[in-house]
Structures are given as structure tokens and as C-alpha cells.
Amino acid sequence: MRGGPEWRGWTRQTMVLADLYDAIGRLTQAAGRWRRKPPKVAPYPRPKARRRRVTTMADIKRTYLSR
């Protein structure tokens, strides 16, 4: 059985919270009074998109003709 965070999808609420986290980090950089460079706030880590393999007609024919 598969499990773990890499198998769970992101809900709309999770995406909005990640965007909110990034916006607060940018606001902290912009609004602060820094004597030197403002500290860099790392963006919230997001899952990487998986590439899907495109199924061609040749793949379908090969599957059904091999039976």
C-alpha cells in the first residue's frame, strides 16, 4: 500500500497557505528597516510535478495486438 506525503495531493487550502507563507516572507523583506541587506526567506517547498507519459496510438495497438 502506498503512503506518505509524496502520494497525497495538495488541497486548495494547502496551496493558499503556501502562497500566504511566501507573501509574508516577501513582506518581511520589504517592510523591515535593515542596515544591511534584508535576510532571505526561503519559499515554502512545493511538490514537484510528475511528468506523465503520453500514450500514443502505437502504444495502444501494441498492447492489444500482443494478446
PDB file of N, CA and C in Angstrom:
ATOM      1  N   MET A   1       0.844  -1.180   0.000  1.00  0.00           N
ATOM      2  CA  MET A   1       0.000   0.000   0.000  1.00  0.00           C
ATOM      3  C   MET A   1       0.883   1.235   0.000  1.00  0.00           C
ATOM      4  N   ARG A   2       0.552   2.179  -0.822  1.00  0.00           N
ATOM      5  CA  ARG A   2       1.347   3.403  -0.915  1.00  0.00           C
ATOM      6  C   ARG A   2       0.904   4.397   0.136  1.00  0.00           C
ATOM      7  N   GLY A   3       1.857   5.161   0.613  1.00  0.00           N
ATOM      8  CA  GLY A   3       1.528   6.169   1.612  1.00  0.00           C
ATOM      9  C   GLY A   3       2.636   7.181   1.710  1.00  0.00           C
ATOM     10  N   GLY A   4       2.426   8.174   2.505  1.00  0.00           N
ATOM     11  CA  GLY A   4       3.431   9.206   2.679  1.00  0.00           C
ATOM     12  C   GLY A   4       3.029  10.484   1.984  1.00  0.00           C
ATOM     13  N   PRO A   5       3.744  11.562   2.291  1.00  0.00           N
ATOM     14  CA  PRO A   5       3.362  12.859   1.734  1.00  0.00           C
ATOM     15  C   PRO A   5       3.513  12.950   0.218  1.00  0.00           C
ATOM     16  N   GLU A   6       4.395  12.141  -0.375  1.00  0.00           N
ATOM     17  CA  GLU A   6       4.566  12.250  -1.826  1.00  0.00           C
ATOM     18  C   GLU A   6       3.389  11.663  -2.599  1.00  0.00           C
ATOM     19  N   TRP A   7       2.538  10.889  -1.937  1.00  0.00           N
ATOM     20  CA  TRP A   7       1.385  10.291  -2.594  1.00  0.00           C
ATOM     21  C   TRP A   7       0.094  11.053  -2.316  1.00  0.00           C
ATOM     22  N   ARG A   8       0.149  12.010  -1.439  1.00  0.00           N
ATOM     23  CA  ARG A   8      -1.051  12.801  -1.141  1.00  0.00           C
ATOM     24  C   ARG A   8      -1.041  14.063  -2.001  1.00  0.00           C
ATOM     25  N   GLY A   9      -2.176  14.419  -2.534  1.00  0.00           N
ATOM     26  CA  GLY A   9      -2.271  15.615  -3.348  1.00  0.00           C
ATOM     27  C   GLY A   9      -2.404  16.861  -2.488  1.00  0.00           C
ATOM     28  N   TRP A  10      -2.092  17.981  -3.091  1.00  0.00           N
ATOM     29  CA  TRP A  10      -2.240  19.245  -2.383  1.00  0.00           C
ATOM     30  C   TRP A  10      -3.672  19.715  -2.542  1.00  0.00           C
ATOM     31  N   THR A  11      -4.273  20.089  -1.427  1.00  0.00           N
ATOM     32  CA  THR A  11      -5.619  20.649  -1.484  1.00  0.00           C
ATOM     33  C   THR A  11      -5.511  22.137  -1.794  1.00  0.00           C
ATOM     34  N   ARG A  12      -6.624  22.721  -2.082  1.00  0.00           N
ATOM     35  CA  ARG A  12      -6.633  24.154  -2.362  1.00  0.00           C
ATOM     36  C   ARG A  12      -6.182  24.941  -1.130  1.00  0.00           C
ATOM     37  N   GLN A  13      -6.569  24.467   0.048  1.00  0.00           N
ATOM     38  CA  GLN A  13      -6.183  25.135   1.288  1.00  0.00           C
ATOM     39  C   GLN A  13      -4.668  25.091   1.479  1.00  0.00           C
ATOM     40  N   THR A  14      -4.032  23.974   1.170  1.00  0.00           N
ATOM     41  CA  THR A  14      -2.588  23.851   1.310  1.00  0.00           C
ATOM     42  C   THR A  14      -1.871  24.802   0.364  1.00  0.00           C
ATOM     43  N   MET A  15      -2.366  24.926  -0.869  1.00  0.00           N
ATOM     44  CA  MET A  15      -1.745  25.833  -1.836  1.00  0.00           C
ATOM     45  C   MET A  15      -1.866  27.285  -1.382  1.00  0.00           C
ATOM     46  N   VAL A  16      -3.032  27.654  -0.864  1.00  0.00           N
ATOM     47  CA  VAL A  16      -3.237  29.027  -0.401  1.00  0.00           C
ATOM     48  C   VAL A  16      -2.336  29.324   0.796  1.00  0.00           C
ATOM     49  N   LEU A  17      -2.204  28.380   1.716  1.00  0.00           N
ATOM     50  CA  LEU A  17      -1.336  28.587   2.872  1.00  0.00           C
ATOM     51  C   LEU A  17       0.126  28.723   2.463  1.00  0.00           C
ATOM     52  N   ALA A  18       0.573  27.959   1.469  1.00  0.00           N
ATOM     53  CA  ALA A  18       1.947  28.079   0.983  1.00  0.00           C
ATOM     54  C   ALA A  18       2.159  29.454   0.349  1.00  0.00           C
ATOM     55  N   ASP A  19       1.186  29.930  -0.431  1.00  0.00           N
ATOM     56  CA  ASP A  19       1.288  31.270  -1.023  1.00  0.00           C
ATOM     57  C   ASP A  19       1.295  32.352   0.051  1.00  0.00           C
ATOM     58  N   LEU A  20       0.498  32.170   1.095  1.00  0.00           N
ATOM     59  CA  LEU A  20       0.455  33.122   2.199  1.00  0.00           C
ATOM     60  C   LEU A  20       1.802  33.165   2.921  1.00  0.00           C
ATOM     61  N   TYR A  21       2.394  32.011   3.150  1.00  0.00           N
ATOM     62  CA  TYR A  21       3.712  31.931   3.788  1.00  0.00           C
ATOM     63  C   TYR A  21       4.744  32.702   2.960  1.00  0.00           C
ATOM     64  N   ASP A  22       4.733  32.529   1.636  1.00  0.00           N
ATOM     65  CA  ASP A  22       5.672  33.231   0.768  1.00  0.00           C
ATOM     66  C   ASP A  22       5.417  34.735   0.777  1.00  0.00           C
ATOM     67  N   ALA A  23       4.139  35.140   0.802  1.00  0.00           N
ATOM     68  CA  ALA A  23       3.810  36.567   0.803  1.00  0.00           C
ATOM     69  C   ALA A  23       4.285  37.231   2.096  1.00  0.00           C
ATOM     70  N   ILE A  24       4.131  36.553   3.224  1.00  0.00           N
ATOM     71  CA  ILE A  24       4.597  37.114   4.499  1.00  0.00           C
ATOM     72  C   ILE A  24       6.107  37.244   4.487  1.00  0.00           C
ATOM     73  N   GLY A  25       6.794  36.272   3.900  1.00  0.00           N
ATOM     74  CA  GLY A  25       8.253  36.350   3.796  1.00  0.00           C
ATOM     75  C   GLY A  25       8.703  37.533   2.954  1.00  0.00           C
ATOM     76  N   ARG A  26       8.029  37.771   1.823  1.00  0.00           N
ATOM     77  CA  ARG A  26       8.371  38.930   0.978  1.00  0.00           C
ATOM     78  C   ARG A  26       8.039  40.241   1.672  1.00  0.00           C
ATOM     79  N   LEU A  27       6.933  40.263   2.410  1.00  0.00           N
ATOM     80  CA  LEU A  27       6.553  41.467   3.138  1.00  0.00           C
ATOM     81  C   LEU A  27       7.581  41.783   4.225  1.00  0.00           C
ATOM     82  N   THR A  28       8.101  40.760   4.871  1.00  0.00           N
ATOM     83  CA  THR A  28       9.120  40.951   5.894  1.00  0.00           C
ATOM     84  C   THR A  28      10.360  41.593   5.288  1.00  0.00           C
ATOM     85  N   GLN A  29      10.734  41.166   4.104  1.00  0.00           N
ATOM     86  CA  GLN A  29      11.897  41.746   3.436  1.00  0.00           C
ATOM     87  C   GLN A  29      11.636  43.200   3.048  1.00  0.00           C
ATOM     88  N   ALA A  30      10.443  43.472   2.546  1.00  0.00           N
ATOM     89  CA  ALA A  30      10.152  44.798   2.016  1.00  0.00           C
ATOM     90  C   ALA A  30       9.903  45.833   3.109  1.00  0.00           C
ATOM     91  N   ALA A  31       9.278  45.439   4.209  1.00  0.00           N
ATOM     92  CA  ALA A  31       8.833  46.411   5.205  1.00  0.00           C
ATOM     93  C   ALA A  31       9.842  46.653   6.322  1.00  0.00           C
ATOM     94  N   GLY A  32      10.845  45.822   6.421  1.00  0.00           N
ATOM     95  CA  GLY A  32      11.776  45.967   7.533  1.00  0.00           C
ATOM     96  C   GLY A  32      12.765  47.112   7.328  1.00  0.00           C
ATOM     97  N   ARG A  33      13.295  47.622   8.414  1.00  0.00           N
ATOM     98  CA  ARG A  33      14.354  48.628   8.336  1.00  0.00           C
ATOM     99  C   ARG A  33      15.673  47.901   8.548  1.00  0.00           C
ATOM    100  N   TRP A  34      16.350  47.656   7.475  1.00  0.00           N
ATOM    101  CA  TRP A  34      17.570  46.861   7.521  1.00  0.00           C
ATOM    102  C   TRP A  34      18.779  47.761   7.321  1.00  0.00           C
ATOM    103  N   ARG A  35      19.773  47.607   8.158  1.00  0.00           N
ATOM    104  CA  ARG A  35      21.016  48.362   7.981  1.00  0.00           C
ATOM    105  C   ARG A  35      21.828  47.777   6.840  1.00  0.00           C
ATOM    106  N   ARG A  36      21.681  46.504   6.666  1.00  0.00           N
ATOM    107  CA  ARG A  36      22.349  45.813   5.565  1.00  0.00           C
ATOM    108  C   ARG A  36      21.281  45.187   4.684  1.00  0.00           C
ATOM    109  N   LYS A  37      21.692  44.202   3.919  1.00  0.00           N
ATOM    110  CA  LYS A  37      20.714  43.516   3.060  1.00  0.00           C
ATOM    111  C   LYS A  37      19.683  42.795   3.922  1.00  0.00           C
ATOM    112  N   PRO A  38      18.437  42.774   3.483  1.00  0.00           N
ATOM    113  CA  PRO A  38      17.414  42.047   4.256  1.00  0.00           C
ATOM    114  C   PRO A  38      17.688  40.540   4.187  1.00  0.00           C
ATOM    115  N   PRO A  39      17.310  39.816   5.215  1.00  0.00           N
ATOM    116  CA  PRO A  39      17.527  38.370   5.180  1.00  0.00           C
ATOM    117  C   PRO A  39      16.631  37.715   4.135  1.00  0.00           C
ATOM    118  N   LYS A  40      17.150  36.683   3.503  1.00  0.00           N
ATOM    119  CA  LYS A  40      16.353  35.976   2.503  1.00  0.00           C
ATOM    120  C   LYS A  40      15.521  34.905   3.197  1.00  0.00           C
ATOM    121  N   VAL A  41      14.243  34.911   2.889  1.00  0.00           N
ATOM    122  CA  VAL A  41      13.329  33.924   3.437  1.00  0.00           C
ATOM    123  C   VAL A  41      13.072  32.901   2.339  1.00  0.00           C
ATOM    124  N   ALA A  42      13.359  31.653   2.625  1.00  0.00           N
ATOM    125  CA  ALA A  42      13.173  30.600   1.623  1.00  0.00           C
ATOM    126  C   ALA A  42      11.686  30.382   1.379  1.00  0.00           C
ATOM    127  N   PRO A  43      11.290  30.190   0.113  1.00  0.00           N
ATOM    128  CA  PRO A  43       9.877  29.915  -0.165  1.00  0.00           C
ATOM    129  C   PRO A  43       9.471  28.553   0.382  1.00  0.00           C
ATOM    130  N   TYR A  44       8.199  28.407   0.612  1.00  0.00           N
ATOM    131  CA  TYR A  44       7.679  27.142   1.127  1.00  0.00           C
ATOM    132  C   TYR A  44       7.894  26.059   0.075  1.00  0.00           C
ATOM    133  N   PRO A  45       8.429  24.914   0.460  1.00  0.00           N
ATOM    134  CA  PRO A  45       8.687  23.863  -0.540  1.00  0.00           C
ATOM    135  C   PRO A  45       7.389  23.295  -1.099  1.00  0.00           C
ATOM    136  N   ARG A  46       7.358  23.202  -2.404  1.00  0.00           N
ATOM    137  CA  ARG A  46       6.183  22.673  -3.083  1.00  0.00           C
ATOM    138  C   ARG A  46       6.549  21.356  -3.768  1.00  0.00           C
ATOM    139  N   PRO A  47       5.584  20.472  -3.926  1.00  0.00           N
ATOM    140  CA  PRO A  47       5.907  19.205  -4.594  1.00  0.00           C
ATOM    141  C   PRO A  47       6.212  19.444  -6.068  1.00  0.00           C
ATOM    142  N   LYS A  48       7.113  18.645  -6.585  1.00  0.00           N
ATOM    143  CA  LYS A  48       7.462  18.765  -7.997  1.00  0.00           C
ATOM    144  C   LYS A  48       6.421  18.022  -8.826  1.00  0.00           C
ATOM    145  N   ALA A  49       6.106  18.592  -9.956  1.00  0.00           N
ATOM    146  CA  ALA A  49       5.121  17.978 -10.840  1.00  0.00           C
ATOM    147  C   ALA A  49       5.723  16.742 -11.491  1.00  0.00           C
ATOM    148  N   ARG A  50       4.955  15.685 -11.498  1.00  0.00           N
ATOM    149  CA  ARG A  50       5.414  14.464 -12.147  1.00  0.00           C
ATOM    150  C   ARG A  50       5.077  14.533 -13.619  1.00  0.00           C
ATOM    151  N   ARG A  51       6.020  14.117 -14.439  1.00  0.00           N
ATOM    152  CA  ARG A  51       5.767  14.091 -15.875  1.00  0.00           C
ATOM    153  C   ARG A  51       4.992  12.828 -16.218  1.00  0.00           C
ATOM    154  N   ARG A  52       3.947  13.013 -16.951  1.00  0.00           N
ATOM    155  CA  ARG A  52       3.144  11.878 -17.376  1.00  0.00           C
ATOM    156  C   ARG A  52       3.621  11.420 -18.747  1.00  0.00           C
ATOM    157  N   ARG A  53       3.616  10.140 -18.923  1.00  0.00           N
ATOM    158  CA  ARG A  53       3.994   9.588 -20.212  1.00  0.00           C
ATOM    159  C   ARG A  53       2.787   9.693 -21.134  1.00  0.00           C
ATOM    160  N   VAL A  54       3.015  10.182 -22.323  1.00  0.00           N
ATOM    161  CA  VAL A  54       1.936  10.336 -23.288  1.00  0.00           C
ATOM    162  C   VAL A  54       1.699   8.993 -23.968  1.00  0.00           C
ATOM    163  N   THR A  55       0.453   8.562 -23.990  1.00  0.00           N
ATOM    164  CA  THR A  55       0.094   7.308 -24.646  1.00  0.00           C
ATOM    165  C   THR A  55      -0.234   7.599 -26.099  1.00  0.00           C
ATOM    166  N   THR A  56       0.478   6.945 -26.985  1.00  0.00           N
ATOM    167  CA  THR A  56       0.258   7.147 -28.409  1.00  0.00           C
ATOM    168  C   THR A  56      -0.603   6.020 -28.954  1.00  0.00           C
ATOM    169  N   MET A  57      -1.082   6.204 -30.172  1.00  0.00           N
ATOM    170  CA  MET A  57      -1.870   5.159 -30.823  1.00  0.00           C
ATOM    171  C   MET A  57      -1.019   3.915 -31.037  1.00  0.00           C
ATOM    172  N   ALA A  58       0.259   4.083 -31.305  1.00  0.00           N
ATOM    173  CA  ALA A  58       1.147   2.938 -31.486  1.00  0.00           C
ATOM    174  C   ALA A  58       1.237   2.120 -30.204  1.00  0.00           C
ATOM    175  N   ASP A  59       1.258   2.781 -29.035  1.00  0.00           N
ATOM    176  CA  ASP A  59       1.277   2.065 -27.757  1.00  0.00           C
ATOM    177  C   ASP A  59       0.004   1.256 -27.564  1.00  0.00           C
ATOM    178  N   ILE A  60      -1.129   1.841 -27.930  1.00  0.00           N
ATOM    179  CA  ILE A  60      -2.415   1.154 -27.768  1.00  0.00           C
ATOM    180  C   ILE A  60      -2.490  -0.063 -28.694  1.00  0.00           C
ATOM    181  N   LYS A  61      -2.070   0.112 -29.951  1.00  0.00           N
ATOM    182  CA  LYS A  61      -2.095  -1.001 -30.903  1.00  0.00           C
ATOM    183  C   LYS A  61      -1.157  -2.114 -30.436  1.00  0.00           C
ATOM    184  N   ARG A  62       0.013  -1.746 -29.958  1.00  0.00           N
ATOM    185  CA  ARG A  62       0.978  -2.744 -29.491  1.00  0.00           C
ATOM    186  C   ARG A  62       0.403  -3.526 -28.312  1.00  0.00           C
ATOM    187  N   THR A  63      -0.324  -2.860 -27.446  1.00  0.00           N
ATOM    188  CA  THR A  63      -0.909  -3.528 -26.288  1.00  0.00           C
ATOM    189  C   THR A  63      -1.967  -4.549 -26.705  1.00  0.00           C
ATOM    190  N   TYR A  64      -2.842  -4.150 -27.609  1.00  0.00           N
ATOM    191  CA  TYR A  64      -3.949  -5.037 -27.981  1.00  0.00           C
ATOM    192  C   TYR A  64      -3.550  -6.092 -28.999  1.00  0.00           C
ATOM    193  N   LEU A  65      -2.534  -5.837 -29.832  1.00  0.00           N
ATOM    194  CA  LEU A  65      -2.131  -6.817 -30.817  1.00  0.00           C
ATOM    195  C   LEU A  65      -1.205  -7.873 -30.218  1.00  0.00           C
ATOM    196  N   SER A  66      -0.635  -7.576 -29.053  1.00  0.00           N
ATOM    197  CA  SER A  66       0.280  -8.541 -28.446  1.00  0.00           C
ATOM    198  C   SER A  66      -0.463  -9.651 -27.690  1.00  0.00           C
ATOM    199  N   ARG A  67      -1.761  -9.537 -27.537  1.00  0.00           N
ATOM    200  CA  ARG A  67      -2.556 -10.543 -26.810  1.00  0.00           C
ATOM    201  C   ARG A  67      -2.850 -11.733 -27.645  1.00  0.00           C
TER     202      ARG A  67
END
